[in-house]
Protein backbone atom coordinates (compact mmCIF):
# COMPACT_ATOMS: atom_id res chain seq x y z
CA GLN A 1 0.00 0.00 0.00
CA ALA A 2 1.46 3.39 -1.02
CA GLU A 3 1.93 6.04 1.61
CA SER A 4 1.02 9.61 0.86
CA ALA A 5 3.29 12.47 1.75
CA SER A 6 2.24 16.02 2.28
CA ILE A 7 4.36 19.06 1.68
CA THR A 8 3.72 22.36 3.37
CA VAL A 9 4.82 25.46 1.55
CA SER A 10 4.98 28.72 3.42
CA LEU A 11 4.42 31.75 1.20
CA PRO A 12 5.30 35.25 2.34
CA THR A 13 2.37 37.18 3.75
CA ARG A 14 1.32 40.06 1.54
CA SER A 15 0.79 43.47 3.05
CA PRO A 16 -2.74 44.74 3.69
CA GLY A 17 -4.00 46.52 0.61
CA THR A 18 -2.10 44.15 -1.70
CA ARG A 19 -3.67 40.84 -0.68
CA TYR A 20 -6.70 41.00 -2.92
CA ARG A 21 -7.29 42.40 -6.35
CA HIS A 22 -9.58 45.39 -6.04
CA TYR A 23 -12.20 46.45 -8.54
CA ALA A 24 -10.82 48.10 -11.65
CA PRO A 25 -13.08 49.47 -14.36
CA ASN A 26 -13.27 47.83 -17.77
CA ALA A 27 -12.83 51.26 -19.34
CA ARG A 28 -9.45 52.82 -19.92
CA VAL A 29 -8.66 55.29 -17.12
CA VAL A 30 -6.66 58.40 -18.01
CA LEU A 31 -5.41 60.88 -15.44
CA VAL A 32 -5.83 64.49 -16.59
CA GLY A 33 -5.30 67.82 -14.92
CA GLY A 34 -3.82 71.26 -15.16
CA THR A 35 -2.86 71.70 -18.79
CA SER A 36 -2.90 68.00 -19.71
CA HIS A 37 -5.94 67.23 -21.82
CA PRO A 38 -6.71 64.31 -24.12
CA GLN A 39 -5.32 64.75 -27.60
CA GLU A 40 -7.57 62.21 -29.26
CA SER A 41 -11.28 62.32 -29.95
CA ILE A 42 -13.15 59.46 -28.27
CA ASP A 43 -16.75 58.52 -29.06
CA SER A 44 -17.61 57.19 -25.61
CA SER A 45 -15.84 59.01 -22.80
CA ALA A 46 -16.55 60.45 -19.38
CA TYR A 47 -14.92 63.13 -17.25
CA LEU A 48 -14.87 62.69 -13.46
CA GLY A 49 -13.58 65.55 -11.32
CA LEU A 50 -14.27 68.81 -9.50
CA ASN A 51 -14.10 71.17 -12.48
CA THR A 52 -15.87 71.62 -15.78
CA PRO A 53 -13.96 69.63 -18.41
CA GLN A 54 -12.07 71.74 -20.92
CA PHE A 55 -12.50 69.12 -23.64
CA SER A 56 -15.38 67.23 -25.23
CA VAL A 57 -16.77 64.14 -23.45
CA THR A 58 -19.96 62.11 -23.66
CA THR A 59 -20.67 62.38 -19.92
CA ALA A 60 -19.32 64.63 -17.16
CA VAL A 61 -19.49 63.75 -13.47
CA ARG A 62 -18.66 66.74 -11.28
CA TYR A 63 -18.16 66.43 -7.53
CA ARG A 64 -18.75 69.19 -4.96
CA ASP A 65 -15.45 68.51 -3.19
CA SER A 66 -12.74 65.90 -2.69
CA THR A 67 -14.75 64.22 0.09
CA GLU A 68 -17.64 63.50 -2.28
CA MET A 69 -15.21 62.37 -4.98
CA MET A 70 -13.54 59.98 -2.55
CA GLN A 71 -16.92 58.51 -1.56
CA ARG A 72 -18.42 58.18 -5.05
CA LEU A 73 -15.57 57.62 -7.52
CA PHE A 74 -15.68 53.82 -7.74
CA HIS A 75 -19.48 53.77 -7.62
CA ASP A 76 -19.45 56.10 -10.62
CA PHE A 77 -16.80 53.95 -12.35
CA ARG A 78 -19.16 50.97 -12.02
CA GLU A 79 -22.18 52.89 -13.30
CA LEU A 80 -20.26 54.29 -16.28
CA ASP A 81 -18.89 50.81 -17.03
CA LYS A 82 -22.49 49.50 -17.10
CA ALA A 83 -23.39 52.32 -19.50
CA GLY A 84 -20.64 51.19 -21.88
CA ILE A 85 -18.35 54.21 -21.57
CA SER A 86 -14.94 53.21 -22.96
CA THR A 87 -12.64 55.87 -21.47
CA PHE A 88 -12.69 57.70 -18.12
CA PHE A 89 -10.78 60.96 -17.86
CA VAL A 90 -10.21 61.59 -14.16
CA GLU A 91 -8.98 64.89 -12.74
CA VAL A 92 -7.64 64.49 -9.21
CA PRO A 93 -7.80 67.66 -7.06
CA GLU A 94 -4.51 69.57 -6.87
CA HIS A 95 -4.99 70.07 -3.12
CA GLY A 96 -7.20 68.74 -0.39
CA PRO A 97 -7.43 66.13 2.31
CA TYR A 98 -7.89 63.16 -0.03
CA ARG A 99 -5.60 64.15 -2.89
CA GLU A 100 -3.00 61.41 -2.28
CA ALA A 101 -5.62 58.69 -1.71
CA LEU A 102 -7.52 59.66 -4.88
CA LEU A 103 -4.30 59.80 -6.88
CA ASP A 104 -3.40 56.31 -5.63
CA ARG A 105 -6.84 54.89 -6.52
CA VAL A 106 -6.87 56.43 -9.99
CA THR A 107 -3.29 55.35 -10.69
CA ARG A 108 -4.06 51.76 -9.68
CA ALA A 109 -7.23 51.76 -11.80
CA SER A 110 -5.31 53.11 -14.81
CA GLN A 111 -2.64 50.40 -14.50
CA ALA A 112 -4.99 47.47 -13.91
CA GLU A 113 -4.69 44.53 -16.25
CA LYS A 114 -7.67 44.25 -18.54
């Protein structure tokens, strides 16, 4: 009768925030701001930010402040994904209490594997 052997492999523990893959939109996410604006014309695009977009988009989502943007950004990503929007142009506030957190979220979303 054959004996079975078991092997235990110990993998390094990943840091909180890197353990699980977080939601990333299906749409392409492009960070815009200041004087950087999209150079191409896109049929199905959305702007998400605090200001009025200075370029043409299909849909614009404007937030009152960085607190509202922090709370609603990924909800709006999901809704715009459902609507079939192909590109999200996101303008992160230049200042404010959540600037770094928003920049991190948008950067991760823009680099997510599709």
